[in-house]
Amino acid sequence: MNNRRTFLLALLSGVVALGLVAGSALADELLGVISKVDVEGKKVTVIENGSDKEVEVTVKSDTEFVNAKGAAAPIDLEKVSKNVAKVQEKGRKGINVVVTHDKSVASKITVSVKKKSN
């Protein structure tokens, strides 16, 4: 009886672990630069690194935004829009980000900071 219980526990643990790994693997990552923010339409336009292709990603109210310091909070598109404008005034394309999305609906946007080499 004890042997069967141990086997079932191990099998169930394996199935749960496989489900967690497969669930996180289904989301795609997009590396690029946020160049435009549509606050009304709740969309951001990301220029993909290496291809200069513009990808439009829809943002939901529960999309997590992780800033350059690592602090996570629900996304505020008005703040992001202002930050993109500031960066573009300095002559850059926009904000470097990694967008985790599923079918062009973002679940997480992380600002990626390029470290300066001395």
PDB file of N, CA and C in Angstrom:
ATOM      1  N   MET A   1       0.813  -1.189   0.000  1.00  0.00           N
ATOM      2  CA  MET A   1       0.000   0.000   0.000  1.00  0.00           C
ATOM      3  C   MET A   1       0.863   1.261   0.000  1.00  0.00           C
ATOM      4  N   ASN A   2       1.883   1.293   0.827  1.00  0.00           N
ATOM      5  CA  ASN A   2       2.757   2.455   0.927  1.00  0.00           C
ATOM      6  C   ASN A   2       3.524   2.670  -0.380  1.00  0.00           C
ATOM      7  N   ASN A   3       3.915   1.592  -1.041  1.00  0.00           N
ATOM      8  CA  ASN A   3       4.659   1.681  -2.291  1.00  0.00           C
ATOM      9  C   ASN A   3       3.787   2.304  -3.383  1.00  0.00           C
ATOM     10  N   ARG A   4       2.527   1.936  -3.441  1.00  0.00           N
ATOM     11  CA  ARG A   4       1.605   2.484  -4.438  1.00  0.00           C
ATOM     12  C   ARG A   4       1.390   3.982  -4.197  1.00  0.00           C
ATOM     13  N   ARG A   5       1.258   4.366  -2.946  1.00  0.00           N
ATOM     14  CA  ARG A   5       1.059   5.773  -2.592  1.00  0.00           C
ATOM     15  C   ARG A   5       2.273   6.611  -3.003  1.00  0.00           C
ATOM     16  N   THR A   6       3.472   6.091  -2.766  1.00  0.00           N
ATOM     17  CA  THR A   6       4.702   6.789  -3.155  1.00  0.00           C
ATOM     18  C   THR A   6       4.772   6.938  -4.666  1.00  0.00           C
ATOM     19  N   PHE A   7       4.414   5.893  -5.391  1.00  0.00           N
ATOM     20  CA  PHE A   7       4.421   5.946  -6.858  1.00  0.00           C
ATOM     21  C   PHE A   7       3.437   6.997  -7.372  1.00  0.00           C
ATOM     22  N   LEU A   8       2.218   7.011  -6.836  1.00  0.00           N
ATOM     23  CA  LEU A   8       1.215   7.987  -7.266  1.00  0.00           C
ATOM     24  C   LEU A   8       1.633   9.424  -6.939  1.00  0.00           C
ATOM     25  N   LEU A   9       2.252   9.612  -5.786  1.00  0.00           N
ATOM     26  CA  LEU A   9       2.724  10.933  -5.402  1.00  0.00           C
ATOM     27  C   LEU A   9       3.820  11.416  -6.369  1.00  0.00           C
ATOM     28  N   ALA A  10       4.735  10.539  -6.698  1.00  0.00           N
ATOM     29  CA  ALA A  10       5.808  10.887  -7.638  1.00  0.00           C
ATOM     30  C   ALA A  10       5.243  11.164  -9.024  1.00  0.00           C
ATOM     31  N   LEU A  11       4.305  10.370  -9.470  1.00  0.00           N
ATOM     32  CA  LEU A  11       3.690  10.565 -10.782  1.00  0.00           C
ATOM     33  C   LEU A  11       2.924  11.889 -10.831  1.00  0.00           C
ATOM     34  N   LEU A  12       2.155  12.176  -9.809  1.00  0.00           N
ATOM     35  CA  LEU A  12       1.396  13.424  -9.752  1.00  0.00           C
ATOM     36  C   LEU A  12       2.327  14.636  -9.708  1.00  0.00           C
ATOM     37  N   SER A  13       3.403  14.549  -8.948  1.00  0.00           N
ATOM     38  CA  SER A  13       4.382  15.646  -8.883  1.00  0.00           C
ATOM     39  C   SER A  13       5.009  15.894 -10.243  1.00  0.00           C
ATOM     40  N   GLY A  14       5.322  14.827 -10.958  1.00  0.00           N
ATOM     41  CA  GLY A  14       5.901  14.957 -12.299  1.00  0.00           C
ATOM     42  C   GLY A  14       4.941  15.613 -13.276  1.00  0.00           C
ATOM     43  N   VAL A  15       3.670  15.254 -13.221  1.00  0.00           N
ATOM     44  CA  VAL A  15       2.665  15.835 -14.114  1.00  0.00           C
ATOM     45  C   VAL A  15       2.496  17.328 -13.824  1.00  0.00           C
ATOM     46  N   VAL A  16       2.456  17.695 -12.563  1.00  0.00           N
ATOM     47  CA  VAL A  16       2.319  19.103 -12.192  1.00  0.00           C
ATOM     48  C   VAL A  16       3.540  19.898 -12.663  1.00  0.00           C
ATOM     49  N   ALA A  17       4.728  19.369 -12.450  1.00  0.00           N
ATOM     50  CA  ALA A  17       5.948  20.057 -12.883  1.00  0.00           C
ATOM     51  C   ALA A  17       5.977  20.218 -14.397  1.00  0.00           C
ATOM     52  N   LEU A  18       5.574  19.184 -15.131  1.00  0.00           N
ATOM     53  CA  LEU A  18       5.528  19.261 -16.585  1.00  0.00           C
ATOM     54  C   LEU A  18       4.529  20.315 -17.043  1.00  0.00           C
ATOM     55  N   GLY A  19       3.399  20.399 -16.366  1.00  0.00           N
ATOM     56  CA  GLY A  19       2.399  21.411 -16.703  1.00  0.00           C
ATOM     57  C   GLY A  19       2.910  22.823 -16.487  1.00  0.00           C
ATOM     58  N   LEU A  20       3.647  23.046 -15.418  1.00  0.00           N
ATOM     59  CA  LEU A  20       4.213  24.375 -15.149  1.00  0.00           C
ATOM     60  C   LEU A  20       5.258  24.752 -16.185  1.00  0.00           C
ATOM     61  N   VAL A  21       6.112  23.821 -16.542  1.00  0.00           N
ATOM     62  CA  VAL A  21       7.162  24.092 -17.537  1.00  0.00           C
ATOM     63  C   VAL A  21       6.537  24.332 -18.905  1.00  0.00           C
ATOM     64  N   ALA A  22       5.578  23.516 -19.284  1.00  0.00           N
ATOM     65  CA  ALA A  22       4.943  23.669 -20.597  1.00  0.00           C
ATOM     66  C   ALA A  22       4.148  24.964 -20.660  1.00  0.00           C
ATOM     67  N   GLY A  23       3.509  25.361 -19.584  1.00  0.00           N
ATOM     68  CA  GLY A  23       2.730  26.599 -19.562  1.00  0.00           C
ATOM     69  C   GLY A  23       3.595  27.824 -19.753  1.00  0.00           C
ATOM     70  N   SER A  24       4.773  27.843 -19.136  1.00  0.00           N
ATOM     71  CA  SER A  24       5.647  29.001 -19.292  1.00  0.00           C
ATOM     72  C   SER A  24       6.347  28.981 -20.645  1.00  0.00           C
ATOM     73  N   ALA A  25       6.482  27.843 -21.251  1.00  0.00           N
ATOM     74  CA  ALA A  25       7.134  27.750 -22.555  1.00  0.00           C
ATOM     75  C   ALA A  25       6.212  28.192 -23.687  1.00  0.00           C
ATOM     76  N   LEU A  26       4.915  28.244 -23.450  1.00  0.00           N
ATOM     77  CA  LEU A  26       3.977  28.637 -24.489  1.00  0.00           C
ATOM     78  C   LEU A  26       4.039  30.128 -24.803  1.00  0.00           C
ATOM     79  N   ALA A  27       4.435  30.941 -23.852  1.00  0.00           N
ATOM     80  CA  ALA A  27       4.517  32.382 -24.068  1.00  0.00           C
ATOM     81  C   ALA A  27       5.757  32.703 -24.898  1.00  0.00           C
ATOM     82  N   ASP A  28       5.617  33.667 -25.811  1.00  0.00           N
ATOM     83  CA  ASP A  28       6.727  34.087 -26.653  1.00  0.00           C
ATOM     84  C   ASP A  28       7.386  35.317 -26.047  1.00  0.00           C
ATOM     85  N   GLU A  29       8.669  35.504 -26.386  1.00  0.00           N
ATOM     86  CA  GLU A  29       9.380  36.695 -25.958  1.00  0.00           C
ATOM     87  C   GLU A  29       9.770  37.502 -27.181  1.00  0.00           C
ATOM     88  N   LEU A  30       9.617  38.787 -27.078  1.00  0.00           N
ATOM     89  CA  LEU A  30       9.942  39.712 -28.145  1.00  0.00           C
ATOM     90  C   LEU A  30      10.946  40.712 -27.602  1.00  0.00           C
ATOM     91  N   LEU A  31      12.131  40.752 -28.196  1.00  0.00           N
ATOM     92  CA  LEU A  31      13.150  41.706 -27.788  1.00  0.00           C
ATOM     93  C   LEU A  31      13.153  42.845 -28.778  1.00  0.00           C
ATOM     94  N   GLY A  32      13.088  44.062 -28.262  1.00  0.00           N
ATOM     95  CA  GLY A  32      13.063  45.198 -29.166  1.00  0.00           C
ATOM     96  C   GLY A  32      12.973  46.512 -28.437  1.00  0.00           C
ATOM     97  N   VAL A  33      12.430  47.509 -29.160  1.00  0.00           N
ATOM     98  CA  VAL A  33      12.345  48.869 -28.665  1.00  0.00           C
ATOM     99  C   VAL A  33      10.904  49.360 -28.802  1.00  0.00           C
ATOM    100  N   ILE A  34      10.321  49.855 -27.693  1.00  0.00           N
ATOM    101  CA  ILE A  34       8.989  50.458 -27.785  1.00  0.00           C
ATOM    102  C   ILE A  34       9.152  51.804 -28.479  1.00  0.00           C
ATOM    103  N   SER A  35       8.517  51.950 -29.647  1.00  0.00           N
ATOM    104  CA  SER A  35       8.639  53.192 -30.408  1.00  0.00           C
ATOM    105  C   SER A  35       7.370  54.030 -30.379  1.00  0.00           C
ATOM    106  N   LYS A  36       6.220  53.391 -30.171  1.00  0.00           N
ATOM    107  CA  LYS A  36       4.944  54.113 -30.143  1.00  0.00           C
ATOM    108  C   LYS A  36       4.061  53.516 -29.053  1.00  0.00           C
ATOM    109  N   VAL A  37       3.232  54.376 -28.466  1.00  0.00           N
ATOM    110  CA  VAL A  37       2.274  53.927 -27.463  1.00  0.00           C
ATOM    111  C   VAL A  37       0.910  54.504 -27.822  1.00  0.00           C
ATOM    112  N   ASP A  38      -0.074  53.630 -27.989  1.00  0.00           N
ATOM    113  CA  ASP A  38      -1.451  54.041 -28.246  1.00  0.00           C
ATOM    114  C   ASP A  38      -2.225  53.854 -26.947  1.00  0.00           C
ATOM    115  N   VAL A  39      -2.377  54.947 -26.183  1.00  0.00           N
ATOM    116  CA  VAL A  39      -3.011  54.878 -24.867  1.00  0.00           C
ATOM    117  C   VAL A  39      -4.483  54.497 -25.000  1.00  0.00           C
ATOM    118  N   GLU A  40      -5.182  55.106 -25.964  1.00  0.00           N
ATOM    119  CA  GLU A  40      -6.611  54.829 -26.155  1.00  0.00           C
ATOM    120  C   GLU A  40      -6.860  53.388 -26.597  1.00  0.00           C
ATOM    121  N   GLY A  41      -6.054  52.906 -27.528  1.00  0.00           N
ATOM    122  CA  GLY A  41      -6.223  51.556 -28.057  1.00  0.00           C
ATOM    123  C   GLY A  41      -5.548  50.479 -27.230  1.00  0.00           C
ATOM    124  N   LYS A  42      -4.832  50.898 -26.165  1.00  0.00           N
ATOM    125  CA  LYS A  42      -4.093  49.986 -25.285  1.00  0.00           C
ATOM    126  C   LYS A  42      -3.155  49.084 -26.090  1.00  0.00           C
ATOM    127  N   LYS A  43      -2.315  49.729 -26.914  1.00  0.00           N
ATOM    128  CA  LYS A  43      -1.340  48.989 -27.722  1.00  0.00           C
ATOM    129  C   LYS A  43       0.002  49.688 -27.674  1.00  0.00           C
ATOM    130  N   VAL A  44       1.058  48.899 -27.765  1.00  0.00           N
ATOM    131  CA  VAL A  44       2.411  49.438 -27.913  1.00  0.00           C
ATOM    132  C   VAL A  44       3.004  48.848 -29.188  1.00  0.00           C
ATOM    133  N   THR A  45       3.798  49.667 -29.868  1.00  0.00           N
ATOM    134  CA  THR A  45       4.479  49.202 -31.071  1.00  0.00           C
ATOM    135  C   THR A  45       5.931  48.971 -30.720  1.00  0.00           C
ATOM    136  N   VAL A  46       6.405  47.756 -30.997  1.00  0.00           N
ATOM    137  CA  VAL A  46       7.769  47.365 -30.673  1.00  0.00           C
ATOM    138  C   VAL A  46       8.517  47.096 -31.974  1.00  0.00           C
ATOM    139  N   ILE A  47       9.684  47.730 -32.131  1.00  0.00           N
ATOM    140  CA  ILE A  47      10.547  47.448 -33.278  1.00  0.00           C
ATOM    141  C   ILE A  47      11.451  46.295 -32.856  1.00  0.00           C
ATOM    142  N   GLU A  48      11.298  45.166 -33.535  1.00  0.00           N
ATOM    143  CA  GLU A  48      12.018  43.945 -33.175  1.00  0.00           C
ATOM    144  C   GLU A  48      13.504  44.095 -33.453  1.00  0.00           C
ATOM    145  N   ASN A  49      14.337  43.665 -32.502  1.00  0.00           N
ATOM    146  CA  ASN A  49      15.794  43.721 -32.679  1.00  0.00           C
ATOM    147  C   ASN A  49      16.226  42.855 -33.858  1.00  0.00           C
ATOM    148  N   GLY A  50      17.111  43.382 -34.673  1.00  0.00           N
ATOM    149  CA  GLY A  50      17.685  42.612 -35.764  1.00  0.00           C
ATOM    150  C   GLY A  50      16.906  42.636 -37.055  1.00  0.00           C
ATOM    151  N   SER A  51      15.631  43.015 -37.022  1.00  0.00           N
ATOM    152  CA  SER A  51      14.858  42.968 -38.262  1.00  0.00           C
ATOM    153  C   SER A  51      14.187  44.299 -38.595  1.00  0.00           C
ATOM    154  N   ASP A  52      14.121  45.219 -37.648  1.00  0.00           N
ATOM    155  CA  ASP A  52      13.442  46.514 -37.818  1.00  0.00           C
ATOM    156  C   ASP A  52      11.981  46.356 -38.213  1.00  0.00           C
ATOM    157  N   LYS A  53      11.385  45.194 -37.888  1.00  0.00           N
ATOM    158  CA  LYS A  53       9.969  44.946 -38.156  1.00  0.00           C
ATOM    159  C   LYS A  53       9.157  45.471 -36.977  1.00  0.00           C
ATOM    160  N   GLU A  54       8.091  46.241 -37.279  1.00  0.00           N
ATOM    161  CA  GLU A  54       7.233  46.760 -36.229  1.00  0.00           C
ATOM    162  C   GLU A  54       6.181  45.726 -35.856  1.00  0.00           C
ATOM    163  N   VAL A  55       6.084  45.436 -34.561  1.00  0.00           N
ATOM    164  CA  VAL A  55       5.112  44.478 -34.049  1.00  0.00           C
ATOM    165  C   VAL A  55       4.204  45.231 -33.078  1.00  0.00           C
ATOM    166  N   GLU A  56       2.896  45.149 -33.314  1.00  0.00           N
ATOM    167  CA  GLU A  56       1.936  45.802 -32.433  1.00  0.00           C
ATOM    168  C   GLU A  56       1.468  44.788 -31.394  1.00  0.00           C
ATOM    169  N   VAL A  57       1.602  45.160 -30.121  1.00  0.00           N
ATOM    170  CA  VAL A  57       1.249  44.272 -29.013  1.00  0.00           C
ATOM    171  C   VAL A  57       0.145  44.932 -28.189  1.00  0.00           C
ATOM    172  N   THR A  58      -0.907  44.178 -27.916  1.00  0.00           N
ATOM    173  CA  THR A  58      -2.008  44.666 -27.102  1.00  0.00           C
ATOM    174  C   THR A  58      -1.641  44.537 -25.623  1.00  0.00           C
ATOM    175  N   VAL A  59      -2.027  45.536 -24.845  1.00  0.00           N
ATOM    176  CA  VAL A  59      -1.728  45.565 -23.416  1.00  0.00           C
ATOM    177  C   VAL A  59      -3.046  45.490 -22.657  1.00  0.00           C
ATOM    178  N   LYS A  60      -3.095  44.635 -21.627  1.00  0.00           N
ATOM    179  CA  LYS A  60      -4.280  44.538 -20.772  1.00  0.00           C
ATOM    180  C   LYS A  60      -4.022  45.276 -19.468  1.00  0.00           C
ATOM    181  N   SER A  61      -5.052  45.461 -18.687  1.00  0.00           N
ATOM    182  CA  SER A  61      -4.897  46.187 -17.422  1.00  0.00           C
ATOM    183  C   SER A  61      -4.040  45.414 -16.419  1.00  0.00           C
ATOM    184  N   ASP A  62      -3.951  44.096 -16.566  1.00  0.00           N
ATOM    185  CA  ASP A  62      -3.135  43.303 -15.642  1.00  0.00           C
ATOM    186  C   ASP A  62      -1.746  42.991 -16.192  1.00  0.00           C
ATOM    187  N   THR A  63      -1.362  43.635 -17.290  1.00  0.00           N
ATOM    188  CA  THR A  63      -0.009  43.447 -17.833  1.00  0.00           C
ATOM    189  C   THR A  63       0.990  44.024 -16.841  1.00  0.00           C
ATOM    190  N   GLU A  64       2.001  43.220 -16.522  1.00  0.00           N
ATOM    191  CA  GLU A  64       3.011  43.631 -15.551  1.00  0.00           C
ATOM    192  C   GLU A  64       4.106  44.406 -16.270  1.00  0.00           C
ATOM    193  N   PHE A  65       4.525  45.541 -15.692  1.00  0.00           N
ATOM    194  CA  PHE A  65       5.603  46.354 -16.245  1.00  0.00           C
ATOM    195  C   PHE A  65       6.731  46.381 -15.232  1.00  0.00           C
ATOM    196  N   VAL A  66       7.912  45.914 -15.639  1.00  0.00           N
ATOM    197  CA  VAL A  66       9.080  45.890 -14.758  1.00  0.00           C
ATOM    198  C   VAL A  66      10.035  46.973 -15.243  1.00  0.00           C
ATOM    199  N   ASN A  67      10.285  47.969 -14.383  1.00  0.00           N
ATOM    200  CA  ASN A  67      11.142  49.076 -14.804  1.00  0.00           C
ATOM    201  C   ASN A  67      12.618  48.708 -14.744  1.00  0.00           C
ATOM    202  N   ALA A  68      13.483  49.661 -15.075  1.00  0.00           N
ATOM    203  CA  ALA A  68      14.921  49.412 -15.138  1.00  0.00           C
ATOM    204  C   ALA A  68      15.517  49.045 -13.783  1.00  0.00           C
ATOM    205  N   LYS A  69      14.867  49.452 -12.705  1.00  0.00           N
ATOM    206  CA  LYS A  69      15.366  49.145 -11.361  1.00  0.00           C
ATOM    207  C   LYS A  69      14.860  47.796 -10.857  1.00  0.00           C
ATOM    208  N   GLY A  70      13.964  47.154 -11.624  1.00  0.00           N
ATOM    209  CA  GLY A  70      13.454  45.845 -11.250  1.00  0.00           C
ATOM    210  C   GLY A  70      12.134  45.870 -10.498  1.00  0.00           C
ATOM    211  N   ALA A  71      11.558  47.055 -10.314  1.00  0.00           N
ATOM    212  CA  ALA A  71      10.284  47.156  -9.612  1.00  0.00           C
ATOM    213  C   ALA A  71       9.137  46.826 -10.568  1.00  0.00           C
ATOM    214  N   ALA A  72       8.260  45.930 -10.147  1.00  0.00           N
ATOM    215  CA  ALA A  72       7.139  45.495 -10.984  1.00  0.00           C
ATOM    216  C   ALA A  72       5.842  46.128 -10.500  1.00  0.00           C
ATOM    217  N   ALA A  73       5.007  46.516 -11.480  1.00  0.00           N
ATOM    218  CA  ALA A  73       3.704  47.103 -11.178  1.00  0.00           C
ATOM    219  C   ALA A  73       2.825  46.945 -12.409  1.00  0.00           C
ATOM    220  N   PRO A  74       1.508  47.093 -12.259  1.00  0.00           N
ATOM    221  CA  PRO A  74       0.647  47.087 -13.452  1.00  0.00           C
ATOM    222  C   PRO A  74       1.045  48.247 -14.369  1.00  0.00           C
ATOM    223  N   ILE A  75       0.940  48.024 -15.666  1.00  0.00           N
ATOM    224  CA  ILE A  75       1.411  49.013 -16.633  1.00  0.00           C
ATOM    225  C   ILE A  75       0.560  50.280 -16.618  1.00  0.00           C
ATOM    226  N   ASP A  76       1.223  51.415 -16.734  1.00  0.00           N
ATOM    227  CA  ASP A  76       0.571  52.717 -16.863  1.00  0.00           C
ATOM    228  C   ASP A  76       1.000  53.262 -18.225  1.00  0.00           C
ATOM    229  N   LEU A  77       0.119  53.148 -19.226  1.00  0.00           N
ATOM    230  CA  LEU A  77       0.482  53.513 -20.596  1.00  0.00           C
ATOM    231  C   LEU A  77       0.807  54.995 -20.741  1.00  0.00           C
ATOM    232  N   GLU A  78       0.192  55.847 -19.938  1.00  0.00           N
ATOM    233  CA  GLU A  78       0.504  57.280 -20.033  1.00  0.00           C
ATOM    234  C   GLU A  78       1.941  57.552 -19.611  1.00  0.00           C
ATOM    235  N   LYS A  79       2.398  56.908 -18.530  1.00  0.00           N
ATOM    236  CA  LYS A  79       3.798  57.057 -18.095  1.00  0.00           C
ATOM    237  C   LYS A  79       4.747  56.510 -19.142  1.00  0.00           C
ATOM    238  N   VAL A  80       4.415  55.346 -19.689  1.00  0.00           N
ATOM    239  CA  VAL A  80       5.279  54.730 -20.706  1.00  0.00           C
ATOM    240  C   VAL A  80       5.363  55.639 -21.926  1.00  0.00           C
ATOM    241  N   SER A  81       4.235  56.226 -22.318  1.00  0.00           N
ATOM    242  CA  SER A  81       4.202  57.129 -23.464  1.00  0.00           C
ATOM    243  C   SER A  81       5.101  58.342 -23.230  1.00  0.00           C
ATOM    244  N   LYS A  82       5.040  58.925 -22.026  1.00  0.00           N
ATOM    245  CA  LYS A  82       5.889  60.072 -21.697  1.00  0.00           C
ATOM    246  C   LYS A  82       7.365  59.684 -21.704  1.00  0.00           C
ATOM    247  N   ASN A  83       7.677  58.505 -21.172  1.00  0.00           N
ATOM    248  CA  ASN A  83       9.076  58.051 -21.149  1.00  0.00           C
ATOM    249  C   ASN A  83       9.599  57.796 -22.559  1.00  0.00           C
ATOM    250  N   VAL A  84       8.769  57.235 -23.426  1.00  0.00           N
ATOM    251  CA  VAL A  84       9.179  57.003 -24.813  1.00  0.00           C
ATOM    252  C   VAL A  84       9.463  58.338 -25.491  1.00  0.00           C
ATOM    253  N   ALA A  85       8.596  59.333 -25.252  1.00  0.00           N
ATOM    254  CA  ALA A  85       8.797  60.662 -25.847  1.00  0.00           C
ATOM    255  C   ALA A  85      10.105  61.289 -25.361  1.00  0.00           C
ATOM    256  N   LYS A  86      10.400  61.166 -24.050  1.00  0.00           N
ATOM    257  CA  LYS A  86      11.650  61.712 -23.507  1.00  0.00           C
ATOM    258  C   LYS A  86      12.867  61.075 -24.163  1.00  0.00           C
ATOM    259  N   VAL A  87      12.826  59.756 -24.299  1.00  0.00           N
ATOM    260  CA  VAL A  87      13.956  59.032 -24.867  1.00  0.00           C
ATOM    261  C   VAL A  87      14.129  59.396 -26.346  1.00  0.00           C
ATOM    262  N   GLN A  88      13.024  59.551 -27.060  1.00  0.00           N
ATOM    263  CA  GLN A  88      13.109  59.897 -28.475  1.00  0.00           C
ATOM    264  C   GLN A  88      13.613  61.323 -28.675  1.00  0.00           C
ATOM    265  N   GLU A  89      13.342  62.216 -27.722  1.00  0.00           N
ATOM    266  CA  GLU A  89      13.886  63.570 -27.793  1.00  0.00           C
ATOM    267  C   GLU A  89      15.408  63.562 -27.696  1.00  0.00           C
ATOM    268  N   LYS A  90      15.946  62.563 -27.019  1.00  0.00           N
ATOM    269  CA  LYS A  90      17.400  62.433 -26.881  1.00  0.00           C
ATOM    270  C   LYS A  90      18.039  61.781 -28.098  1.00  0.00           C
ATOM    271  N   GLY A  91      17.218  61.408 -29.084  1.00  0.00           N
ATOM    272  CA  GLY A  91      17.758  60.853 -30.322  1.00  0.00           C
ATOM    273  C   GLY A  91      17.756  59.337 -30.421  1.00  0.00           C
ATOM    274  N   ARG A  92      17.180  58.649 -29.447  1.00  0.00           N
ATOM    275  CA  ARG A  92      17.105  57.188 -29.519  1.00  0.00           C
ATOM    276  C   ARG A  92      15.776  56.765 -30.118  1.00  0.00           C
ATOM    277  N   LYS A  93      15.692  55.489 -30.530  1.00  0.00           N
ATOM    278  CA  LYS A  93      14.452  54.961 -31.128  1.00  0.00           C
ATOM    279  C   LYS A  93      13.325  54.862 -30.124  1.00  0.00           C
ATOM    280  N   GLY A  94      13.657  54.482 -28.891  1.00  0.00           N
ATOM    281  CA  GLY A  94      12.640  54.283 -27.871  1.00  0.00           C
ATOM    282  C   GLY A  94      13.237  53.571 -26.672  1.00  0.00           C
ATOM    283  N   ILE A  95      12.391  52.839 -25.934  1.00  0.00           N
ATOM    284  CA  ILE A  95      12.814  52.132 -24.722  1.00  0.00           C
ATOM    285  C   ILE A  95      13.087  50.671 -25.058  1.00  0.00           C
ATOM    286  N   ASN A  96      14.273  50.178 -24.696  1.00  0.00           N
ATOM    287  CA  ASN A  96      14.623  48.768 -24.902  1.00  0.00           C
ATOM    288  C   ASN A  96      13.836  47.899 -23.931  1.00  0.00           C
ATOM    289  N   VAL A  97      13.149  46.886 -24.478  1.00  0.00           N
ATOM    290  CA  VAL A  97      12.302  46.036 -23.646  1.00  0.00           C
ATOM    291  C   VAL A  97      12.358  44.578 -24.094  1.00  0.00           C
ATOM    292  N   VAL A  98      11.899  43.720 -23.191  1.00  0.00           N
ATOM    293  CA  VAL A  98      11.607  42.326 -23.494  1.00  0.00           C
ATOM    294  C   VAL A  98      10.123  42.155 -23.191  1.00  0.00           C
ATOM    295  N   VAL A  99       9.344  41.784 -24.213  1.00  0.00           N
ATOM    296  CA  VAL A  99       7.903  41.641 -24.061  1.00  0.00           C
ATOM    297  C   VAL A  99       7.556  40.161 -24.044  1.00  0.00           C
ATOM    298  N   THR A 100       6.955  39.688 -22.972  1.00  0.00           N
ATOM    299  CA  THR A 100       6.455  38.327 -22.899  1.00  0.00           C
ATOM    300  C   THR A 100       4.989  38.388 -23.302  1.00  0.00           C
ATOM    301  N   HIS A 101       4.647  37.652 -24.378  1.00  0.00           N
ATOM    302  CA  HIS A 101       3.279  37.755 -24.898  1.00  0.00           C
ATOM    303  C   HIS A 101       2.792  36.412 -25.416  1.00  0.00           C
ATOM    304  N   ASP A 102       1.492  36.310 -25.556  1.00  0.00           N
ATOM    305  CA  ASP A 102       0.849  35.146 -26.145  1.00  0.00           C
ATOM    306  C   ASP A 102      -0.134  35.668 -27.183  1.00  0.00           C
ATOM    307  N   LYS A 103       0.128  35.369 -28.445  1.00  0.00           N
ATOM    308  CA  LYS A 103      -0.710  35.824 -29.560  1.00  0.00           C
ATOM    309  C   LYS A 103      -0.863  37.348 -29.548  1.00  0.00           C
ATOM    310  N   SER A 104       0.261  38.037 -29.388  1.00  0.00           N
ATOM    311  CA  SER A 104       0.351  39.506 -29.403  1.00  0.00           C
ATOM    312  C   SER A 104      -0.429  40.191 -28.289  1.00  0.00           C
ATOM    313  N   VAL A 105      -0.672  39.489 -27.184  1.00  0.00           N
ATOM    314  CA  VAL A 105      -1.255  40.089 -25.991  1.00  0.00           C
ATOM    315  C   VAL A 105      -0.202  39.980 -24.889  1.00  0.00           C
ATOM    316  N   ALA A 106       0.299  41.125 -24.445  1.00  0.00           N
ATOM    317  CA  ALA A 106       1.410  41.149 -23.493  1.00  0.00           C
ATOM    318  C   ALA A 106       0.965  40.751 -22.094  1.00  0.00           C
ATOM    319  N   SER A 107       1.780  39.914 -21.459  1.00  0.00           N
ATOM    320  CA  SER A 107       1.541  39.587 -20.058  1.00  0.00           C
ATOM    321  C   SER A 107       2.582  40.267 -19.175  1.00  0.00           C
ATOM    322  N   LYS A 108       3.761  40.560 -19.761  1.00  0.00           N
ATOM    323  CA  LYS A 108       4.823  41.200 -18.990  1.00  0.00           C
ATOM    324  C   LYS A 108       5.719  41.986 -19.940  1.00  0.00           C
ATOM    325  N   ILE A 109       6.077  43.199 -19.545  1.00  0.00           N
ATOM    326  CA  ILE A 109       7.018  44.019 -20.300  1.00  0.00           C
ATOM    327  C   ILE A 109       8.133  44.403 -19.333  1.00  0.00           C
ATOM    328  N   THR A 110       9.361  44.034 -19.699  1.00  0.00           N
ATOM    329  CA  THR A 110      10.512  44.283 -18.850  1.00  0.00           C
ATOM    330  C   THR A 110      11.468  45.227 -19.566  1.00  0.00           C
ATOM    331  N   VAL A 111      11.824  46.322 -18.921  1.00  0.00           N
ATOM    332  CA  VAL A 111      12.801  47.257 -19.500  1.00  0.00           C
ATOM    333  C   VAL A 111      14.169  46.609 -19.383  1.00  0.00           C
ATOM    334  N   SER A 112      14.879  46.531 -20.501  1.00  0.00           N
ATOM    335  CA  SER A 112      16.222  45.959 -20.481  1.00  0.00           C
ATOM    336  C   SER A 112      17.226  47.098 -20.582  1.00  0.00           C
ATOM    337  N   VAL A 113      18.144  47.111 -19.634  1.00  0.00           N
ATOM    338  CA  VAL A 113      19.126  48.177 -19.554  1.00  0.00           C
ATOM    339  C   VAL A 113      20.453  47.652 -20.089  1.00  0.00           C
ATOM    340  N   LYS A 114      20.987  48.381 -21.056  1.00  0.00           N
ATOM    341  CA  LYS A 114      22.307  48.019 -21.565  1.00  0.00           C
ATOM    342  C   LYS A 114      23.352  48.656 -20.653  1.00  0.00           C
ATOM    343  N   LYS A 115      24.231  47.824 -20.140  1.00  0.00           N
ATOM    344  CA  LYS A 115      25.255  48.341 -19.231  1.00  0.00           C
ATOM    345  C   LYS A 115      26.337  49.019 -20.055  1.00  0.00           C
ATOM    346  N   LYS A 116      26.777  50.168 -19.527  1.00  0.00           N
ATOM    347  CA  LYS A 116      27.813  50.922 -20.209  1.00  0.00           C
ATOM    348  C   LYS A 116      29.160  50.254 -19.948  1.00  0.00           C
ATOM    349  N   SER A 117      29.943  50.095 -21.017  1.00  0.00           N
ATOM    350  CA  SER A 117      31.276  49.527 -20.846  1.00  0.00           C
ATOM    351  C   SER A 117      32.262  50.664 -20.623  1.00  0.00           C
ATOM    352  N   ASN A 118      33.143  50.464 -19.673  1.00  0.00           N
ATOM    353  CA  ASN A 118      34.089  51.525 -19.321  1.00  0.00           C
ATOM    354  C   ASN A 118      35.314  51.466 -20.175  1.00  0.00           C
TER     355      ASN A 118
END
